[in-house]
């Protein structure tokens, strides 16, 4: 199918948003480090199976350099990402992931050599407007009140930092893919991330043994991982069939899906203003990648 990558991109978006929602539910029960690790662990079986059918490409110094430079940043982003989901509404934190293109303007030019077009500039304005409108109800307290509200909302601040980190890791990831293959890099990268993240779990988990948690809430920790693995696999397949910019633009619909989840399942308020902000940010993202 000529447009199968579009279908795969939507699967990736839906799987990511669903995994986030299930992760937020699981975070009510146990330490965020453990839940994040379990989500990664239960996403590994499809990746390991995938490696059995992927030819190992010829790897050079650039691949290893970009791969291992991205690893610590990826782990830091993962920690902040999970913390943001735990302490703040999904509809308020997840839209900030679309700020990544703003940071990519700088980092992609430095790392990969990409530049910004006129459409990209318009996209930046839309993204900034969308981020501002997420807290538009506080405007009556002053024009800069929404900005101050974002600063007070730790989850939003964490997600903004995550967006910046993702701009670096995505640039490094693209460099690694250019010196290997999309499927090989995607599978090996998340396997190594899981291994490196494991020590942090035991350092920060001080409640119950992992086995006891698994026996008590096995469904809560398996489902986020399964949907996360579906996201990774569909993401890699779509990346292998289409240009990265087109695929990521469609995948960012996960932001809107996540906001809807937050309203339906977590009774998060002010959904109209946040969906409006998310829509603006998503439109700006599309303009940037299209440009």
C-alpha atoms as a PDB file:
ATOM      1  CA  UNK A   1       0.000   0.000   0.000  1.00  0.00           C
ATOM      2  CA  UNK A   2       1.373   3.328  -1.103  1.00  0.00           C
ATOM      3  CA  UNK A   3       0.136   5.263   1.949  1.00  0.00           C
ATOM      4  CA  UNK A   4       0.590   2.544   4.553  1.00  0.00           C
ATOM      5  CA  UNK A   5       3.051   4.798   6.389  1.00  0.00           C
ATOM      6  CA  UNK A   6       0.162   7.162   7.209  1.00  0.00           C
ATOM      7  CA  UNK A   7      -1.769   4.324   8.848  1.00  0.00           C
ATOM      8  CA  UNK A   8       1.335   3.212  10.744  1.00  0.00           C
ATOM      9  CA  UNK A   9       1.964   6.780  11.949  1.00  0.00           C
ATOM     10  CA  UNK A  10      -1.556   7.010  13.348  1.00  0.00           C
ATOM     11  CA  UNK A  11      -1.052   3.667  15.091  1.00  0.00           C
ATOM     12  CA  UNK A  12       2.135   5.044  16.620  1.00  0.00           C
ATOM     13  CA  UNK A  13       0.334   8.186  17.804  1.00  0.00           C
ATOM     14  CA  UNK A  14      -2.581   6.249  19.289  1.00  0.00           C
ATOM     15  CA  UNK A  15      -0.276   3.729  20.963  1.00  0.00           C
ATOM     16  CA  UNK A  16       1.863   6.444  22.520  1.00  0.00           C
ATOM     17  CA  UNK A  17      -1.113   8.404  23.879  1.00  0.00           C
ATOM     18  CA  UNK A  18      -2.708   5.230  25.235  1.00  0.00           C
ATOM     19  CA  UNK A  19       0.543   4.132  26.860  1.00  0.00           C
ATOM     20  CA  UNK A  20       0.855   7.561  28.511  1.00  0.00           C
ATOM     21  CA  UNK A  21      -2.687   7.364  29.874  1.00  0.00           C
ATOM     22  CA  UNK A  22      -2.157   3.852  31.236  1.00  0.00           C
ATOM     23  CA  UNK A  23       1.183   4.925  32.701  1.00  0.00           C
ATOM     24  CA  UNK A  24      -0.441   7.851  34.505  1.00  0.00           C
ATOM     25  CA  UNK A  25      -2.974   5.445  35.994  1.00  0.00           C
ATOM     26  CA  UNK A  26      -0.202   3.084  37.099  1.00  0.00           C
ATOM     27  CA  UNK A  27       1.760   5.973  38.617  1.00  0.00           C
ATOM     28  CA  UNK A  28      -0.929   6.318  41.264  1.00  0.00           C
ATOM     29  CA  UNK A  29       0.267   3.014  42.673  1.00  0.00           C
ATOM     30  CA  UNK A  30       4.060   2.931  42.832  1.00  0.00           C
ATOM     31  CA  UNK A  31       7.367   4.719  42.283  1.00  0.00           C
ATOM     32  CA  UNK A  32       7.615   6.486  38.907  1.00  0.00           C
ATOM     33  CA  UNK A  33      11.041   4.999  38.215  1.00  0.00           C
ATOM     34  CA  UNK A  34       9.672   1.483  38.554  1.00  0.00           C
ATOM     35  CA  UNK A  35       6.652   2.148  36.348  1.00  0.00           C
ATOM     36  CA  UNK A  36       8.807   3.779  33.661  1.00  0.00           C
ATOM     37  CA  UNK A  37      11.233   0.850  33.761  1.00  0.00           C
ATOM     38  CA  UNK A  38       8.443  -1.734  33.577  1.00  0.00           C
ATOM     39  CA  UNK A  39       6.962   0.041  30.575  1.00  0.00           C
ATOM     40  CA  UNK A  40      10.323  -0.260  28.852  1.00  0.00           C
ATOM     41  CA  UNK A  41      10.827  -3.869  29.933  1.00  0.00           C
ATOM     42  CA  UNK A  42       7.468  -5.019  28.585  1.00  0.00           C
ATOM     43  CA  UNK A  43       8.193  -3.242  25.306  1.00  0.00           C
ATOM     44  CA  UNK A  44      11.387  -5.250  24.767  1.00  0.00           C
ATOM     45  CA  UNK A  45      10.109  -8.664  23.538  1.00  0.00           C
ATOM     46  CA  UNK A  46       8.925  -7.351  20.132  1.00  0.00           C
ATOM     47  CA  UNK A  47      12.180  -5.401  19.751  1.00  0.00           C
ATOM     48  CA  UNK A  48      14.334  -8.425  20.545  1.00  0.00           C
ATOM     49  CA  UNK A  49      12.277 -10.499  18.116  1.00  0.00           C
ATOM     50  CA  UNK A  50      12.674  -7.795  15.501  1.00  0.00           C
ATOM     51  CA  UNK A  51      16.460  -7.896  15.823  1.00  0.00           C
ATOM     52  CA  UNK A  52      16.435 -11.552  14.778  1.00  0.00           C
ATOM     53  CA  UNK A  53      15.190 -10.526  11.320  1.00  0.00           C
ATOM     54  CA  UNK A  54      17.198  -7.325  10.825  1.00  0.00           C
ATOM     55  CA  UNK A  55      20.565  -7.502   9.045  1.00  0.00           C
ATOM     56  CA  UNK A  56      23.291  -5.786  11.010  1.00  0.00           C
ATOM     57  CA  UNK A  57      24.475  -2.796   8.973  1.00  0.00           C
ATOM     58  CA  UNK A  58      28.068  -1.672   8.767  1.00  0.00           C
ATOM     59  CA  UNK A  59      28.586   0.631  11.734  1.00  0.00           C
ATOM     60  CA  UNK A  60      31.122   3.432  11.877  1.00  0.00           C
ATOM     61  CA  UNK A  61      32.478   5.890  14.444  1.00  0.00           C
ATOM     62  CA  UNK A  62      29.705   8.428  13.820  1.00  0.00           C
ATOM     63  CA  UNK A  63      27.038   5.851  14.681  1.00  0.00           C
ATOM     64  CA  UNK A  64      28.624   4.923  18.005  1.00  0.00           C
ATOM     65  CA  UNK A  65      29.340   8.532  18.903  1.00  0.00           C
ATOM     66  CA  UNK A  66      25.772   9.703  18.272  1.00  0.00           C
ATOM     67  CA  UNK A  67      24.310   6.565  19.872  1.00  0.00           C
ATOM     68  CA  UNK A  68      26.154   6.886  23.179  1.00  0.00           C
ATOM     69  CA  UNK A  69      25.860  10.665  23.354  1.00  0.00           C
ATOM     70  CA  UNK A  70      22.080  10.361  23.097  1.00  0.00           C
ATOM     71  CA  UNK A  71      21.751   7.660  25.781  1.00  0.00           C
ATOM     72  CA  UNK A  72      22.208   9.740  28.984  1.00  0.00           C
ATOM     73  CA  UNK A  73      20.014  12.495  27.582  1.00  0.00           C
ATOM     74  CA  UNK A  74      17.305   9.960  26.732  1.00  0.00           C
ATOM     75  CA  UNK A  75      17.329   8.603  30.280  1.00  0.00           C
ATOM     76  CA  UNK A  76      17.101  12.098  31.770  1.00  0.00           C
ATOM     77  CA  UNK A  77      14.194  12.929  29.470  1.00  0.00           C
ATOM     78  CA  UNK A  78      12.459   9.695  30.461  1.00  0.00           C
ATOM     79  CA  UNK A  79      12.691  10.550  34.167  1.00  0.00           C
ATOM     80  CA  UNK A  80      11.334  14.068  33.677  1.00  0.00           C
ATOM     81  CA  UNK A  81       8.636  12.791  31.305  1.00  0.00           C
ATOM     82  CA  UNK A  82       7.266  10.319  33.852  1.00  0.00           C
ATOM     83  CA  UNK A  83       7.444  12.849  36.691  1.00  0.00           C
ATOM     84  CA  UNK A  84       5.499  15.361  34.571  1.00  0.00           C
ATOM     85  CA  UNK A  85       2.751  12.809  33.910  1.00  0.00           C
ATOM     86  CA  UNK A  86       2.497  12.084  37.618  1.00  0.00           C
ATOM     87  CA  UNK A  87       2.302  15.582  39.083  1.00  0.00           C
ATOM     88  CA  UNK A  88       0.406  17.504  36.375  1.00  0.00           C
ATOM     89  CA  UNK A  89      -2.629  17.086  34.069  1.00  0.00           C
ATOM     90  CA  UNK A  90      -1.909  15.259  30.816  1.00  0.00           C
ATOM     91  CA  UNK A  91      -3.711  17.911  28.774  1.00  0.00           C
ATOM     92  CA  UNK A  92      -1.430  20.584  30.226  1.00  0.00           C
ATOM     93  CA  UNK A  93       1.915  18.769  29.991  1.00  0.00           C
ATOM     94  CA  UNK A  94       1.784  16.687  26.807  1.00  0.00           C
ATOM     95  CA  UNK A  95       1.158  19.602  24.378  1.00  0.00           C
ATOM     96  CA  UNK A  96       4.556  21.047  25.318  1.00  0.00           C
ATOM     97  CA  UNK A  97       6.213  18.162  23.493  1.00  0.00           C
ATOM     98  CA  UNK A  98       5.403  20.036  20.287  1.00  0.00           C
ATOM     99  CA  UNK A  99       7.917  22.671  21.399  1.00  0.00           C
ATOM    100  CA  UNK A 100      10.619  20.297  20.198  1.00  0.00           C
ATOM    101  CA  UNK A 101      10.764  21.897  16.700  1.00  0.00           C
ATOM    102  CA  UNK A 102      11.618  25.269  18.242  1.00  0.00           C
ATOM    103  CA  UNK A 103      14.706  23.782  19.825  1.00  0.00           C
ATOM    104  CA  UNK A 104      15.365  21.729  16.696  1.00  0.00           C
ATOM    105  CA  UNK A 105      15.900  24.950  14.763  1.00  0.00           C
ATOM    106  CA  UNK A 106      19.155  25.334  16.678  1.00  0.00           C
ATOM    107  CA  UNK A 107      20.228  21.766  17.403  1.00  0.00           C
ATOM    108  CA  UNK A 108      19.349  20.229  14.042  1.00  0.00           C
ATOM    109  CA  UNK A 109      21.339  22.953  12.300  1.00  0.00           C
ATOM    110  CA  UNK A 110      24.354  22.338  14.536  1.00  0.00           C
ATOM    111  CA  UNK A 111      24.189  18.520  14.515  1.00  0.00           C
ATOM    112  CA  UNK A 112      22.620  17.660  11.155  1.00  0.00           C
ATOM    113  CA  UNK A 113      22.858  20.928   9.193  1.00  0.00           C
ATOM    114  CA  UNK A 114      19.125  21.578   8.707  1.00  0.00           C
ATOM    115  CA  UNK A 115      17.666  25.084   8.260  1.00  0.00           C
ATOM    116  CA  UNK A 116      14.265  26.741   8.814  1.00  0.00           C
ATOM    117  CA  UNK A 117      11.945  27.964   6.038  1.00  0.00           C
ATOM    118  CA  UNK A 118       9.224  30.628   6.063  1.00  0.00           C
ATOM    119  CA  UNK A 119       6.643  27.969   6.902  1.00  0.00           C
ATOM    120  CA  UNK A 120       8.829  26.972   9.807  1.00  0.00           C
ATOM    121  CA  UNK A 121       8.853  30.548  11.113  1.00  0.00           C
ATOM    122  CA  UNK A 122       5.038  30.700  10.958  1.00  0.00           C
ATOM    123  CA  UNK A 123       4.929  27.361  12.755  1.00  0.00           C
ATOM    124  CA  UNK A 124       7.072  28.757  15.557  1.00  0.00           C
ATOM    125  CA  UNK A 125       4.606  31.612  16.084  1.00  0.00           C
ATOM    126  CA  UNK A 126       1.664  29.185  16.208  1.00  0.00           C
ATOM    127  CA  UNK A 127       3.462  26.939  18.687  1.00  0.00           C
ATOM    128  CA  UNK A 128       4.301  29.886  20.946  1.00  0.00           C
ATOM    129  CA  UNK A 129       0.684  31.092  20.772  1.00  0.00           C
ATOM    130  CA  UNK A 130      -0.571  27.605  21.565  1.00  0.00           C
ATOM    131  CA  UNK A 131       1.699  27.318  24.592  1.00  0.00           C
ATOM    132  CA  UNK A 132       0.499  30.712  25.824  1.00  0.00           C
ATOM    133  CA  UNK A 133      -3.184  29.835  25.393  1.00  0.00           C
ATOM    134  CA  UNK A 134      -2.891  26.704  27.538  1.00  0.00           C
ATOM    135  CA  UNK A 135      -3.288  28.951  30.603  1.00  0.00           C
ATOM    136  CA  UNK A 136      -5.340  31.700  28.979  1.00  0.00           C
ATOM    137  CA  UNK A 137      -7.932  31.740  31.797  1.00  0.00           C
ATOM    138  CA  UNK A 138      -5.394  33.447  34.047  1.00  0.00           C
ATOM    139  CA  UNK A 139      -5.037  36.460  31.708  1.00  0.00           C
ATOM    140  CA  UNK A 140      -7.364  38.460  33.960  1.00  0.00           C
ATOM    141  CA  UNK A 141      -4.556  38.424  36.531  1.00  0.00           C
ATOM    142  CA  UNK A 142      -2.201  40.126  34.111  1.00  0.00           C
ATOM    143  CA  UNK A 143      -0.909  39.690  30.566  1.00  0.00           C
ATOM    144  CA  UNK A 144       2.107  37.700  31.738  1.00  0.00           C
ATOM    145  CA  UNK A 145       0.098  35.619  34.199  1.00  0.00           C
ATOM    146  CA  UNK A 146      -0.121  32.598  31.854  1.00  0.00           C
ATOM    147  CA  UNK A 147       3.664  32.559  31.536  1.00  0.00           C
ATOM    148  CA  UNK A 148       3.991  32.734  35.301  1.00  0.00           C
ATOM    149  CA  UNK A 149       1.420  29.954  35.610  1.00  0.00           C
ATOM    150  CA  UNK A 150       3.546  27.746  33.358  1.00  0.00           C
ATOM    151  CA  UNK A 151       6.557  28.466  35.557  1.00  0.00           C
ATOM    152  CA  UNK A 152       4.582  27.438  38.651  1.00  0.00           C
ATOM    153  CA  UNK A 153       3.389  24.196  37.058  1.00  0.00           C
ATOM    154  CA  UNK A 154       6.337  21.856  37.565  1.00  0.00           C
ATOM    155  CA  UNK A 155       4.970  19.237  35.200  1.00  0.00           C
ATOM    156  CA  UNK A 156       4.864  21.755  32.359  1.00  0.00           C
ATOM    157  CA  UNK A 157       8.394  22.915  33.122  1.00  0.00           C
ATOM    158  CA  UNK A 158       9.607  19.313  33.121  1.00  0.00           C
ATOM    159  CA  UNK A 159       7.936  18.665  29.765  1.00  0.00           C
ATOM    160  CA  UNK A 160       9.479  21.785  28.231  1.00  0.00           C
ATOM    161  CA  UNK A 161      12.896  20.487  29.293  1.00  0.00           C
ATOM    162  CA  UNK A 162      11.981  17.105  27.819  1.00  0.00           C
ATOM    163  CA  UNK A 163      11.065  18.802  24.534  1.00  0.00           C
ATOM    164  CA  UNK A 164      14.487  20.445  24.428  1.00  0.00           C
ATOM    165  CA  UNK A 165      16.259  17.168  25.199  1.00  0.00           C
ATOM    166  CA  UNK A 166      14.251  15.357  22.530  1.00  0.00           C
ATOM    167  CA  UNK A 167      15.396  17.920  19.971  1.00  0.00           C
ATOM    168  CA  UNK A 168      18.974  16.908  20.743  1.00  0.00           C
ATOM    169  CA  UNK A 169      18.367  13.157  20.874  1.00  0.00           C
ATOM    170  CA  UNK A 170      16.261  13.213  17.704  1.00  0.00           C
ATOM    171  CA  UNK A 171      19.062  15.005  15.870  1.00  0.00           C
ATOM    172  CA  UNK A 172      21.593  12.505  17.183  1.00  0.00           C
ATOM    173  CA  UNK A 173      19.190   9.688  16.320  1.00  0.00           C
ATOM    174  CA  UNK A 174      18.841  10.883  12.765  1.00  0.00           C
ATOM    175  CA  UNK A 175      22.608  10.966  12.496  1.00  0.00           C
ATOM    176  CA  UNK A 176      22.813   7.407  13.833  1.00  0.00           C
ATOM    177  CA  UNK A 177      20.130   6.219  11.401  1.00  0.00           C
ATOM    178  CA  UNK A 178      22.030   7.731   8.482  1.00  0.00           C
ATOM    179  CA  UNK A 179      25.023   5.629   9.526  1.00  0.00           C
ATOM    180  CA  UNK A 180      23.086   2.393  10.161  1.00  0.00           C
ATOM    181  CA  UNK A 181      19.380   1.675   9.475  1.00  0.00           C
ATOM    182  CA  UNK A 182      16.108   2.863  11.073  1.00  0.00           C
ATOM    183  CA  UNK A 183      14.992  -0.550  12.335  1.00  0.00           C
ATOM    184  CA  UNK A 184      18.391  -1.562  13.676  1.00  0.00           C
ATOM    185  CA  UNK A 185      18.919   1.739  15.476  1.00  0.00           C
ATOM    186  CA  UNK A 186      15.384   1.831  16.924  1.00  0.00           C
ATOM    187  CA  UNK A 187      15.556  -1.698  18.314  1.00  0.00           C
ATOM    188  CA  UNK A 188      19.075  -1.562  19.734  1.00  0.00           C
ATOM    189  CA  UNK A 189      18.633   1.947  21.126  1.00  0.00           C
ATOM    190  CA  UNK A 190      15.601   1.152  23.287  1.00  0.00           C
ATOM    191  CA  UNK A 191      17.126  -2.110  24.486  1.00  0.00           C
ATOM    192  CA  UNK A 192      20.247  -0.291  25.682  1.00  0.00           C
ATOM    193  CA  UNK A 193      18.148   2.511  27.215  1.00  0.00           C
ATOM    194  CA  UNK A 194      16.276  -0.103  29.270  1.00  0.00           C
ATOM    195  CA  UNK A 195      19.498  -1.708  30.467  1.00  0.00           C
ATOM    196  CA  UNK A 196      21.022   1.638  31.451  1.00  0.00           C
ATOM    197  CA  UNK A 197      17.831   2.756  33.202  1.00  0.00           C
ATOM    198  CA  UNK A 198      17.665  -0.388  35.367  1.00  0.00           C
ATOM    199  CA  UNK A 199      20.139   0.731  38.104  1.00  0.00           C
ATOM    200  CA  UNK A 200      18.124   3.915  38.686  1.00  0.00           C
ATOM    201  CA  UNK A 201      15.082   1.808  39.514  1.00  0.00           C
ATOM    202  CA  UNK A 202      16.754   0.010  42.387  1.00  0.00           C
ATOM    203  CA  UNK A 203      18.361   3.205  43.662  1.00  0.00           C
ATOM    204  CA  UNK A 204      15.080   5.109  43.791  1.00  0.00           C
ATOM    205  CA  UNK A 205      12.586   2.322  44.506  1.00  0.00           C
ATOM    206  CA  UNK A 206      12.231   2.018  48.286  1.00  0.00           C
ATOM    207  CA  UNK A 207       8.740   0.620  48.790  1.00  0.00           C
ATOM    208  CA  UNK A 208       8.208  -3.005  47.834  1.00  0.00           C
ATOM    209  CA  UNK A 209      10.144  -5.653  45.887  1.00  0.00           C
ATOM    210  CA  UNK A 210       9.533  -5.625  42.157  1.00  0.00           C
ATOM    211  CA  UNK A 211       8.071  -9.141  42.308  1.00  0.00           C
ATOM    212  CA  UNK A 212       5.424  -8.065  44.811  1.00  0.00           C
ATOM    213  CA  UNK A 213       4.403  -5.131  42.623  1.00  0.00           C
ATOM    214  CA  UNK A 214       4.141  -7.386  39.564  1.00  0.00           C
ATOM    215  CA  UNK A 215       1.941  -9.883  41.421  1.00  0.00           C
ATOM    216  CA  UNK A 216      -0.339  -7.158  42.770  1.00  0.00           C
ATOM    217  CA  UNK A 217      -0.774  -4.986  39.662  1.00  0.00           C
ATOM    218  CA  UNK A 218       0.396  -7.110  36.753  1.00  0.00           C
ATOM    219  CA  UNK A 219      -2.171  -5.647  34.350  1.00  0.00           C
ATOM    220  CA  UNK A 220      -1.272  -2.064  35.227  1.00  0.00           C
ATOM    221  CA  UNK A 221       2.381  -2.513  34.305  1.00  0.00           C
ATOM    222  CA  UNK A 222       2.005  -4.800  31.275  1.00  0.00           C
ATOM    223  CA  UNK A 223      -0.458  -2.724  29.260  1.00  0.00           C
ATOM    224  CA  UNK A 224       1.650   0.477  29.115  1.00  0.00           C
ATOM    225  CA  UNK A 225       4.602  -1.598  27.912  1.00  0.00           C
ATOM    226  CA  UNK A 226       2.609  -3.395  25.233  1.00  0.00           C
ATOM    227  CA  UNK A 227       1.253  -0.158  23.811  1.00  0.00           C
ATOM    228  CA  UNK A 228       4.725   1.371  24.033  1.00  0.00           C
ATOM    229  CA  UNK A 229       6.173  -1.507  22.025  1.00  0.00           C
ATOM    230  CA  UNK A 230       3.413  -1.020  19.461  1.00  0.00           C
ATOM    231  CA  UNK A 231       4.433   2.634  19.269  1.00  0.00           C
ATOM    232  CA  UNK A 232       8.099   1.775  18.734  1.00  0.00           C
ATOM    233  CA  UNK A 233       7.461  -0.891  16.092  1.00  0.00           C
ATOM    234  CA  UNK A 234       4.906   1.162  14.138  1.00  0.00           C
ATOM    235  CA  UNK A 235       7.161   4.211  14.463  1.00  0.00           C
ATOM    236  CA  UNK A 236      10.128   2.364  12.991  1.00  0.00           C
ATOM    237  CA  UNK A 237       8.085   0.807  10.195  1.00  0.00           C
ATOM    238  CA  UNK A 238       6.593   4.171   9.250  1.00  0.00           C
ATOM    239  CA  UNK A 239      10.038   5.769   9.350  1.00  0.00           C
ATOM    240  CA  UNK A 240      11.302   3.156   6.914  1.00  0.00           C
ATOM    241  CA  UNK A 241       8.476   3.905   4.460  1.00  0.00           C
ATOM    242  CA  UNK A 242       8.281   7.699   4.490  1.00  0.00           C
ATOM    243  CA  UNK A 243      10.168  10.894   5.147  1.00  0.00           C
ATOM    244  CA  UNK A 244      10.764  11.603   8.812  1.00  0.00           C
ATOM    245  CA  UNK A 245       9.078  15.023   8.716  1.00  0.00           C
ATOM    246  CA  UNK A 246       5.791  13.665   7.344  1.00  0.00           C
ATOM    247  CA  UNK A 247       5.715  10.730   9.737  1.00  0.00           C
ATOM    248  CA  UNK A 248       6.439  12.791  12.864  1.00  0.00           C
ATOM    249  CA  UNK A 249       3.839  15.422  11.895  1.00  0.00           C
ATOM    250  CA  UNK A 250       1.115  12.774  11.903  1.00  0.00           C
ATOM    251  CA  UNK A 251       2.459  11.085  15.021  1.00  0.00           C
ATOM    252  CA  UNK A 252       2.135  14.355  16.960  1.00  0.00           C
ATOM    253  CA  UNK A 253      -1.633  13.838  16.867  1.00  0.00           C
ATOM    254  CA  UNK A 254      -0.887  11.868  20.044  1.00  0.00           C
ATOM    255  CA  UNK A 255      -0.920  15.247  21.819  1.00  0.00           C
ATOM    256  CA  UNK A 256      -4.580  15.785  21.017  1.00  0.00           C
ATOM    257  CA  UNK A 257      -5.433  12.180  21.831  1.00  0.00           C
ATOM    258  CA  UNK A 258      -3.653  12.565  25.179  1.00  0.00           C
ATOM    259  CA  UNK A 259      -5.617  15.713  25.999  1.00  0.00           C
ATOM    260  CA  UNK A 260      -8.873  13.883  25.282  1.00  0.00           C
ATOM    261  CA  UNK A 261      -7.762  11.007  27.512  1.00  0.00           C
ATOM    262  CA  UNK A 262      -7.015  13.477  30.289  1.00  0.00           C
ATOM    263  CA  UNK A 263     -10.536  14.888  30.076  1.00  0.00           C
ATOM    264  CA  UNK A 264     -12.367  11.553  29.817  1.00  0.00           C
ATOM    265  CA  UNK A 265     -10.431   9.352  32.235  1.00  0.00           C
ATOM    266  CA  UNK A 266      -8.805  11.780  34.691  1.00  0.00           C
ATOM    267  CA  UNK A 267     -11.522  14.481  34.876  1.00  0.00           C
ATOM    268  CA  UNK A 268      -9.052  17.212  33.967  1.00  0.00           C
ATOM    269  CA  UNK A 269     -10.663  20.642  33.649  1.00  0.00           C
ATOM    270  CA  UNK A 270     -10.305  23.548  31.201  1.00  0.00           C
ATOM    271  CA  UNK A 271     -10.224  21.037  28.373  1.00  0.00           C
ATOM    272  CA  UNK A 272     -11.470  23.500  25.729  1.00  0.00           C
ATOM    273  CA  UNK A 273      -8.671  26.008  26.191  1.00  0.00           C
ATOM    274  CA  UNK A 274      -6.075  23.249  26.396  1.00  0.00           C
ATOM    275  CA  UNK A 275      -7.349  21.488  23.285  1.00  0.00           C
ATOM    276  CA  UNK A 276      -7.298  24.830  21.492  1.00  0.00           C
ATOM    277  CA  UNK A 277      -3.695  25.367  22.582  1.00  0.00           C
ATOM    278  CA  UNK A 278      -2.786  21.813  21.615  1.00  0.00           C
ATOM    279  CA  UNK A 279      -4.366  22.289  18.184  1.00  0.00           C
ATOM    280  CA  UNK A 280      -2.366  25.478  17.593  1.00  0.00           C
ATOM    281  CA  UNK A 281       0.848  23.812  18.695  1.00  0.00           C
ATOM    282  CA  UNK A 282       0.175  20.795  16.503  1.00  0.00           C
ATOM    283  CA  UNK A 283      -0.593  23.026  13.478  1.00  0.00           C
ATOM    284  CA  UNK A 284       2.626  24.917  14.068  1.00  0.00           C
ATOM    285  CA  UNK A 285       4.538  21.663  14.275  1.00  0.00           C
ATOM    286  CA  UNK A 286       3.083  20.510  10.951  1.00  0.00           C
ATOM    287  CA  UNK A 287       4.089  23.808   9.317  1.00  0.00           C
ATOM    288  CA  UNK A 288       7.607  23.494  10.652  1.00  0.00           C
ATOM    289  CA  UNK A 289       8.215  19.956   9.437  1.00  0.00           C
ATOM    290  CA  UNK A 290       6.455  20.665   6.121  1.00  0.00           C
ATOM    291  CA  UNK A 291       8.638  23.716   5.653  1.00  0.00           C
END
